[in-house]
């Protein structure tokens, strides 16, 4: 059930349960397995989770939750890879979030970014804006910058995607439009007339859109 998230992930099917039922019929000690994998945590693991909660940051009225695991903490408590496994799931447990971001420092100023999202946020699109990728509900990337700059880039990527989706919805444009649909929208949204060349239109639209996104980031809570 680790691969299916205790039968909660989208890859869970009727066949998954059939296989689990077949395993139960063999007499497997499922209670011990469940205890070891899902109901036992080391003291070091609990110390990391406590730090993540204590330093947690929220944005966009709680829809975005951001947690960090600095290298200094891992070194201080001498945590292992096993202790740090699947820490990215913790932020997603916070009530009211649409996007849970976990930032783990792998070496000085190198951050592994894990993004877990609900139905209203596309994790892949957010991470692609930072050079990464993954799946719709789980994606990641690596940023080689100081912590505050890494946070800024994460916030900008989140609000860029959110702003785009909101504006597309208002204009009746699909969430993944073609280049022609997107340019038509940009010309209407930013009142770009035909006196410009196609290349100039793209540049103007890009600059105005970037300013709009940065305003959203700087005015978020």
C-alpha atoms as a PDB file:
ATOM      1  CA  UNK A   1       0.000   0.000   0.000  1.00  0.00           C
ATOM      2  CA  UNK A   2       3.018   2.327  -0.033  1.00  0.00           C
ATOM      3  CA  UNK A   3       2.716   2.700  -3.821  1.00  0.00           C
ATOM      4  CA  UNK A   4      -1.007   3.439  -3.567  1.00  0.00           C
ATOM      5  CA  UNK A   5      -0.847   5.668  -0.500  1.00  0.00           C
ATOM      6  CA  UNK A   6      -2.893   3.238   1.586  1.00  0.00           C
ATOM      7  CA  UNK A   7      -5.255   2.818  -1.383  1.00  0.00           C
ATOM      8  CA  UNK A   8      -5.854   6.577  -1.640  1.00  0.00           C
ATOM      9  CA  UNK A   9      -3.870   7.448  -4.795  1.00  0.00           C
ATOM     10  CA  UNK A  10      -5.374   7.555  -8.280  1.00  0.00           C
ATOM     11  CA  UNK A  11      -3.498   4.379  -9.265  1.00  0.00           C
ATOM     12  CA  UNK A  12      -5.703   2.335  -6.905  1.00  0.00           C
ATOM     13  CA  UNK A  13      -8.026   0.040  -8.880  1.00  0.00           C
ATOM     14  CA  UNK A  14     -10.286  -2.921  -8.284  1.00  0.00           C
ATOM     15  CA  UNK A  15      -7.333  -5.113  -9.274  1.00  0.00           C
ATOM     16  CA  UNK A  16      -5.246  -3.472  -6.537  1.00  0.00           C
ATOM     17  CA  UNK A  17      -7.762  -4.549  -3.918  1.00  0.00           C
ATOM     18  CA  UNK A  18      -7.994  -8.008  -5.461  1.00  0.00           C
ATOM     19  CA  UNK A  19      -4.228  -8.430  -5.098  1.00  0.00           C
ATOM     20  CA  UNK A  20      -4.420  -7.208  -1.498  1.00  0.00           C
ATOM     21  CA  UNK A  21      -7.192  -9.709  -0.797  1.00  0.00           C
ATOM     22  CA  UNK A  22      -5.062 -12.517  -2.254  1.00  0.00           C
ATOM     23  CA  UNK A  23      -2.188 -11.505   0.033  1.00  0.00           C
ATOM     24  CA  UNK A  24      -4.475 -11.554   3.069  1.00  0.00           C
ATOM     25  CA  UNK A  25      -5.541 -15.094   2.219  1.00  0.00           C
ATOM     26  CA  UNK A  26      -1.909 -16.219   2.545  1.00  0.00           C
ATOM     27  CA  UNK A  27      -1.979 -15.337   6.257  1.00  0.00           C
ATOM     28  CA  UNK A  28       0.442 -12.422   5.984  1.00  0.00           C
ATOM     29  CA  UNK A  29       0.922 -10.452   9.211  1.00  0.00           C
ATOM     30  CA  UNK A  30      -0.579  -7.232   7.838  1.00  0.00           C
ATOM     31  CA  UNK A  31      -0.854  -5.584  11.250  1.00  0.00           C
ATOM     32  CA  UNK A  32       2.909  -5.650  11.783  1.00  0.00           C
ATOM     33  CA  UNK A  33       3.495  -4.402   8.232  1.00  0.00           C
ATOM     34  CA  UNK A  34       1.082  -1.521   8.798  1.00  0.00           C
ATOM     35  CA  UNK A  35       2.733  -0.656  12.112  1.00  0.00           C
ATOM     36  CA  UNK A  36       6.246  -0.609  10.668  1.00  0.00           C
ATOM     37  CA  UNK A  37       5.437   1.389   7.520  1.00  0.00           C
ATOM     38  CA  UNK A  38       2.683   3.760   8.608  1.00  0.00           C
ATOM     39  CA  UNK A  39       2.512   4.068  12.403  1.00  0.00           C
ATOM     40  CA  UNK A  40       6.153   4.206  13.505  1.00  0.00           C
ATOM     41  CA  UNK A  41       8.441   7.259  13.318  1.00  0.00           C
ATOM     42  CA  UNK A  42      11.952   7.781  14.629  1.00  0.00           C
ATOM     43  CA  UNK A  43      12.668  10.576  17.088  1.00  0.00           C
ATOM     44  CA  UNK A  44      14.760  12.252  14.404  1.00  0.00           C
ATOM     45  CA  UNK A  45      11.839  12.126  11.999  1.00  0.00           C
ATOM     46  CA  UNK A  46       9.554  13.681  14.580  1.00  0.00           C
ATOM     47  CA  UNK A  47      12.142  16.416  15.240  1.00  0.00           C
ATOM     48  CA  UNK A  48      12.191  17.275  11.533  1.00  0.00           C
ATOM     49  CA  UNK A  49       8.409  17.364  11.347  1.00  0.00           C
ATOM     50  CA  UNK A  50       8.272  19.596  14.430  1.00  0.00           C
ATOM     51  CA  UNK A  51      10.687  22.048  12.785  1.00  0.00           C
ATOM     52  CA  UNK A  52       8.675  22.030   9.559  1.00  0.00           C
ATOM     53  CA  UNK A  53       5.472  22.874  11.425  1.00  0.00           C
ATOM     54  CA  UNK A  54       7.126  25.511  13.637  1.00  0.00           C
ATOM     55  CA  UNK A  55       8.582  27.355  10.623  1.00  0.00           C
ATOM     56  CA  UNK A  56       5.664  26.765   8.243  1.00  0.00           C
ATOM     57  CA  UNK A  57       4.608  29.672   6.044  1.00  0.00           C
ATOM     58  CA  UNK A  58       1.248  30.151   4.337  1.00  0.00           C
ATOM     59  CA  UNK A  59       0.274  32.347   1.411  1.00  0.00           C
ATOM     60  CA  UNK A  60      -2.793  33.103  -0.679  1.00  0.00           C
ATOM     61  CA  UNK A  61      -5.144  32.900   2.316  1.00  0.00           C
ATOM     62  CA  UNK A  62      -3.783  29.507   3.332  1.00  0.00           C
ATOM     63  CA  UNK A  63      -4.097  27.890  -0.079  1.00  0.00           C
ATOM     64  CA  UNK A  64      -0.316  27.621  -0.393  1.00  0.00           C
ATOM     65  CA  UNK A  65       1.619  25.957   2.435  1.00  0.00           C
ATOM     66  CA  UNK A  66       5.420  26.088   2.408  1.00  0.00           C
ATOM     67  CA  UNK A  67       7.693  24.039   4.687  1.00  0.00           C
ATOM     68  CA  UNK A  68      11.497  23.926   4.798  1.00  0.00           C
ATOM     69  CA  UNK A  69      14.111  21.426   5.925  1.00  0.00           C
ATOM     70  CA  UNK A  70      17.513  23.160   6.170  1.00  0.00           C
ATOM     71  CA  UNK A  71      20.721  21.176   5.920  1.00  0.00           C
ATOM     72  CA  UNK A  72      21.780  22.544   9.311  1.00  0.00           C
ATOM     73  CA  UNK A  73      18.853  20.747  10.971  1.00  0.00           C
ATOM     74  CA  UNK A  74      19.615  17.426   9.272  1.00  0.00           C
ATOM     75  CA  UNK A  75      23.257  17.688  10.337  1.00  0.00           C
ATOM     76  CA  UNK A  76      22.375  18.754  13.889  1.00  0.00           C
ATOM     77  CA  UNK A  77      20.131  15.763  14.597  1.00  0.00           C
ATOM     78  CA  UNK A  78      22.170  13.448  12.307  1.00  0.00           C
ATOM     79  CA  UNK A  79      19.116  12.395  10.321  1.00  0.00           C
ATOM     80  CA  UNK A  80      19.408   9.712   7.653  1.00  0.00           C
ATOM     81  CA  UNK A  81      17.706   9.401   4.281  1.00  0.00           C
ATOM     82  CA  UNK A  82      15.298   6.989   5.903  1.00  0.00           C
ATOM     83  CA  UNK A  83      14.330   9.614   8.472  1.00  0.00           C
ATOM     84  CA  UNK A  84      13.667  12.149   5.696  1.00  0.00           C
ATOM     85  CA  UNK A  85      11.691   9.845   3.401  1.00  0.00           C
ATOM     86  CA  UNK A  86       8.343  11.218   2.201  1.00  0.00           C
ATOM     87  CA  UNK A  87       8.537  14.407   4.271  1.00  0.00           C
ATOM     88  CA  UNK A  88       6.840  16.122   1.329  1.00  0.00           C
ATOM     89  CA  UNK A  89       3.514  14.633   2.405  1.00  0.00           C
ATOM     90  CA  UNK A  90       3.387  16.631   5.663  1.00  0.00           C
ATOM     91  CA  UNK A  91       2.509  20.040   4.196  1.00  0.00           C
ATOM     92  CA  UNK A  92      -0.419  18.530   2.337  1.00  0.00           C
ATOM     93  CA  UNK A  93      -2.078  17.639   5.642  1.00  0.00           C
ATOM     94  CA  UNK A  94      -2.645  21.296   6.538  1.00  0.00           C
ATOM     95  CA  UNK A  95      -6.324  22.162   6.325  1.00  0.00           C
ATOM     96  CA  UNK A  96      -7.422  24.383   3.447  1.00  0.00           C
ATOM     97  CA  UNK A  97      -4.376  24.070   1.198  1.00  0.00           C
ATOM     98  CA  UNK A  98      -4.440  23.612  -2.579  1.00  0.00           C
ATOM     99  CA  UNK A  99      -0.668  23.539  -2.986  1.00  0.00           C
ATOM    100  CA  UNK A 100       1.841  22.033  -0.527  1.00  0.00           C
ATOM    101  CA  UNK A 101       5.502  22.894  -1.087  1.00  0.00           C
ATOM    102  CA  UNK A 102       8.380  21.205   0.742  1.00  0.00           C
ATOM    103  CA  UNK A 103      11.888  22.645   0.368  1.00  0.00           C
ATOM    104  CA  UNK A 104      14.753  20.414   1.471  1.00  0.00           C
ATOM    105  CA  UNK A 105      18.334  21.654   1.387  1.00  0.00           C
ATOM    106  CA  UNK A 106      20.563  18.986  -0.183  1.00  0.00           C
ATOM    107  CA  UNK A 107      23.796  20.969   0.135  1.00  0.00           C
ATOM    108  CA  UNK A 108      24.481  24.646   0.873  1.00  0.00           C
ATOM    109  CA  UNK A 109      22.047  26.755  -1.200  1.00  0.00           C
ATOM    110  CA  UNK A 110      20.769  23.816  -3.216  1.00  0.00           C
ATOM    111  CA  UNK A 111      17.074  23.127  -2.587  1.00  0.00           C
ATOM    112  CA  UNK A 112      14.993  20.174  -3.649  1.00  0.00           C
ATOM    113  CA  UNK A 113      11.455  21.459  -4.239  1.00  0.00           C
ATOM    114  CA  UNK A 114       8.551  19.020  -3.902  1.00  0.00           C
ATOM    115  CA  UNK A 115       5.093  20.235  -4.897  1.00  0.00           C
ATOM    116  CA  UNK A 116       1.903  18.344  -4.040  1.00  0.00           C
ATOM    117  CA  UNK A 117      -1.417  19.763  -5.194  1.00  0.00           C
ATOM    118  CA  UNK A 118      -5.152  19.258  -5.211  1.00  0.00           C
ATOM    119  CA  UNK A 119      -7.525  19.502  -8.146  1.00  0.00           C
ATOM    120  CA  UNK A 120      -7.298  23.305  -8.496  1.00  0.00           C
ATOM    121  CA  UNK A 121      -3.514  23.549  -8.983  1.00  0.00           C
ATOM    122  CA  UNK A 122      -1.367  21.782 -11.577  1.00  0.00           C
ATOM    123  CA  UNK A 123       1.939  20.786  -9.945  1.00  0.00           C
ATOM    124  CA  UNK A 124       3.611  20.105 -13.285  1.00  0.00           C
ATOM    125  CA  UNK A 125       2.932  23.575 -14.657  1.00  0.00           C
ATOM    126  CA  UNK A 126       4.189  25.191 -11.444  1.00  0.00           C
ATOM    127  CA  UNK A 127       7.429  23.191 -11.484  1.00  0.00           C
ATOM    128  CA  UNK A 128       7.989  23.638 -15.215  1.00  0.00           C
ATOM    129  CA  UNK A 129       8.257  27.367 -14.562  1.00  0.00           C
ATOM    130  CA  UNK A 130      11.271  26.534 -12.364  1.00  0.00           C
ATOM    131  CA  UNK A 131      12.873  24.066 -14.764  1.00  0.00           C
ATOM    132  CA  UNK A 132      11.333  20.905 -13.311  1.00  0.00           C
ATOM    133  CA  UNK A 133       8.363  18.662 -14.005  1.00  0.00           C
ATOM    134  CA  UNK A 134       6.394  15.646 -12.908  1.00  0.00           C
ATOM    135  CA  UNK A 135       2.708  14.843 -12.710  1.00  0.00           C
ATOM    136  CA  UNK A 136      -0.425  16.968 -12.321  1.00  0.00           C
ATOM    137  CA  UNK A 137      -0.648  16.391  -8.568  1.00  0.00           C
ATOM    138  CA  UNK A 138       3.019  15.731  -7.730  1.00  0.00           C
ATOM    139  CA  UNK A 139       6.057  17.392  -9.268  1.00  0.00           C
ATOM    140  CA  UNK A 140       9.429  18.801  -8.340  1.00  0.00           C
ATOM    141  CA  UNK A 141      12.555  20.713  -9.281  1.00  0.00           C
ATOM    142  CA  UNK A 142      15.912  21.812  -7.866  1.00  0.00           C
ATOM    143  CA  UNK A 143      16.915  25.428  -7.236  1.00  0.00           C
ATOM    144  CA  UNK A 144      20.551  26.343  -6.623  1.00  0.00           C
ATOM    145  CA  UNK A 145      20.003  29.651  -4.840  1.00  0.00           C
ATOM    146  CA  UNK A 146      19.785  30.953  -1.234  1.00  0.00           C
ATOM    147  CA  UNK A 147      16.612  30.112   0.684  1.00  0.00           C
ATOM    148  CA  UNK A 148      14.840  33.462   0.359  1.00  0.00           C
ATOM    149  CA  UNK A 149      15.433  33.541  -3.388  1.00  0.00           C
ATOM    150  CA  UNK A 150      14.194  29.962  -3.687  1.00  0.00           C
ATOM    151  CA  UNK A 151      11.012  30.941  -1.845  1.00  0.00           C
ATOM    152  CA  UNK A 152      10.551  33.926  -4.143  1.00  0.00           C
ATOM    153  CA  UNK A 153      10.835  31.725  -7.217  1.00  0.00           C
ATOM    154  CA  UNK A 154       8.360  29.209  -5.810  1.00  0.00           C
ATOM    155  CA  UNK A 155       5.831  31.947  -5.037  1.00  0.00           C
ATOM    156  CA  UNK A 156       6.263  33.526  -8.448  1.00  0.00           C
ATOM    157  CA  UNK A 157       5.721  30.172 -10.176  1.00  0.00           C
ATOM    158  CA  UNK A 158       2.602  29.471  -8.095  1.00  0.00           C
ATOM    159  CA  UNK A 159       1.039  32.873  -8.724  1.00  0.00           C
ATOM    160  CA  UNK A 160       2.021  32.821 -12.397  1.00  0.00           C
ATOM    161  CA  UNK A 161       0.071  29.620 -12.897  1.00  0.00           C
ATOM    162  CA  UNK A 162      -2.818  30.772 -10.699  1.00  0.00           C
ATOM    163  CA  UNK A 163      -3.102  34.114 -12.516  1.00  0.00           C
ATOM    164  CA  UNK A 164      -3.033  32.400 -15.890  1.00  0.00           C
ATOM    165  CA  UNK A 165      -5.720  29.889 -14.940  1.00  0.00           C
ATOM    166  CA  UNK A 166      -7.965  32.593 -13.460  1.00  0.00           C
ATOM    167  CA  UNK A 167      -7.653  34.848 -16.475  1.00  0.00           C
ATOM    168  CA  UNK A 168      -8.208  31.971 -18.865  1.00  0.00           C
ATOM    169  CA  UNK A 169     -11.389  31.026 -17.017  1.00  0.00           C
ATOM    170  CA  UNK A 170     -12.660  34.608 -17.179  1.00  0.00           C
ATOM    171  CA  UNK A 171     -11.983  34.756 -20.922  1.00  0.00           C
ATOM    172  CA  UNK A 172     -13.386  31.312 -21.632  1.00  0.00           C
ATOM    173  CA  UNK A 173      -9.994  30.044 -22.812  1.00  0.00           C
ATOM    174  CA  UNK A 174      -8.963  26.416 -22.166  1.00  0.00           C
ATOM    175  CA  UNK A 175      -6.329  25.889 -19.444  1.00  0.00           C
ATOM    176  CA  UNK A 176      -3.810  24.697 -22.076  1.00  0.00           C
ATOM    177  CA  UNK A 177      -4.497  26.979 -25.068  1.00  0.00           C
ATOM    178  CA  UNK A 178      -2.831  26.911 -28.460  1.00  0.00           C
ATOM    179  CA  UNK A 179      -0.338  29.651 -29.353  1.00  0.00           C
ATOM    180  CA  UNK A 180      -2.963  31.382 -31.520  1.00  0.00           C
ATOM    181  CA  UNK A 181      -5.579  31.307 -28.731  1.00  0.00           C
ATOM    182  CA  UNK A 182      -3.078  32.608 -26.211  1.00  0.00           C
ATOM    183  CA  UNK A 183      -1.861  35.489 -28.386  1.00  0.00           C
ATOM    184  CA  UNK A 184      -5.428  36.498 -29.200  1.00  0.00           C
ATOM    185  CA  UNK A 185      -6.189  36.598 -25.491  1.00  0.00           C
ATOM    186  CA  UNK A 186      -3.067  38.630 -24.697  1.00  0.00           C
ATOM    187  CA  UNK A 187      -3.918  41.226 -27.349  1.00  0.00           C
ATOM    188  CA  UNK A 188      -7.402  41.631 -25.891  1.00  0.00           C
ATOM    189  CA  UNK A 189      -6.313  41.557 -22.245  1.00  0.00           C
ATOM    190  CA  UNK A 190      -3.565  44.141 -22.629  1.00  0.00           C
ATOM    191  CA  UNK A 191      -5.158  46.196 -25.445  1.00  0.00           C
ATOM    192  CA  UNK A 192      -2.351  45.628 -27.942  1.00  0.00           C
ATOM    193  CA  UNK A 193      -3.367  47.058 -31.322  1.00  0.00           C
ATOM    194  CA  UNK A 194      -2.279  46.138 -34.846  1.00  0.00           C
ATOM    195  CA  UNK A 195       0.310  48.922 -35.076  1.00  0.00           C
ATOM    196  CA  UNK A 196       2.904  46.498 -33.671  1.00  0.00           C
ATOM    197  CA  UNK A 197       4.638  43.601 -35.393  1.00  0.00           C
ATOM    198  CA  UNK A 198       3.925  40.057 -34.235  1.00  0.00           C
ATOM    199  CA  UNK A 199       7.287  39.942 -32.430  1.00  0.00           C
ATOM    200  CA  UNK A 200       6.641  43.283 -30.716  1.00  0.00           C
ATOM    201  CA  UNK A 201       3.218  42.044 -29.615  1.00  0.00           C
ATOM    202  CA  UNK A 202       4.780  38.987 -27.992  1.00  0.00           C
ATOM    203  CA  UNK A 203       7.345  41.094 -26.138  1.00  0.00           C
ATOM    204  CA  UNK A 204       4.754  43.621 -24.901  1.00  0.00           C
ATOM    205  CA  UNK A 205       2.387  40.855 -23.776  1.00  0.00           C
ATOM    206  CA  UNK A 206       5.204  39.062 -21.949  1.00  0.00           C
ATOM    207  CA  UNK A 207       6.324  42.196 -20.094  1.00  0.00           C
ATOM    208  CA  UNK A 208       2.799  43.193 -19.064  1.00  0.00           C
ATOM    209  CA  UNK A 209       1.983  39.674 -17.935  1.00  0.00           C
ATOM    210  CA  UNK A 210       5.190  39.477 -15.873  1.00  0.00           C
ATOM    211  CA  UNK A 211       4.346  42.783 -14.143  1.00  0.00           C
ATOM    212  CA  UNK A 212       0.863  41.483 -13.370  1.00  0.00           C
ATOM    213  CA  UNK A 213       2.234  38.278 -11.819  1.00  0.00           C
ATOM    214  CA  UNK A 214       4.847  40.114  -9.737  1.00  0.00           C
ATOM    215  CA  UNK A 215       2.098  42.364  -8.380  1.00  0.00           C
ATOM    216  CA  UNK A 216       0.141  39.257  -7.328  1.00  0.00           C
ATOM    217  CA  UNK A 217       3.200  37.822  -5.553  1.00  0.00           C
ATOM    218  CA  UNK A 218       4.082  41.053  -3.741  1.00  0.00           C
ATOM    219  CA  UNK A 219       0.523  41.666  -2.523  1.00  0.00           C
ATOM    220  CA  UNK A 220      -0.094  38.090  -1.293  1.00  0.00           C
ATOM    221  CA  UNK A 221      -0.261  37.355   2.437  1.00  0.00           C
END
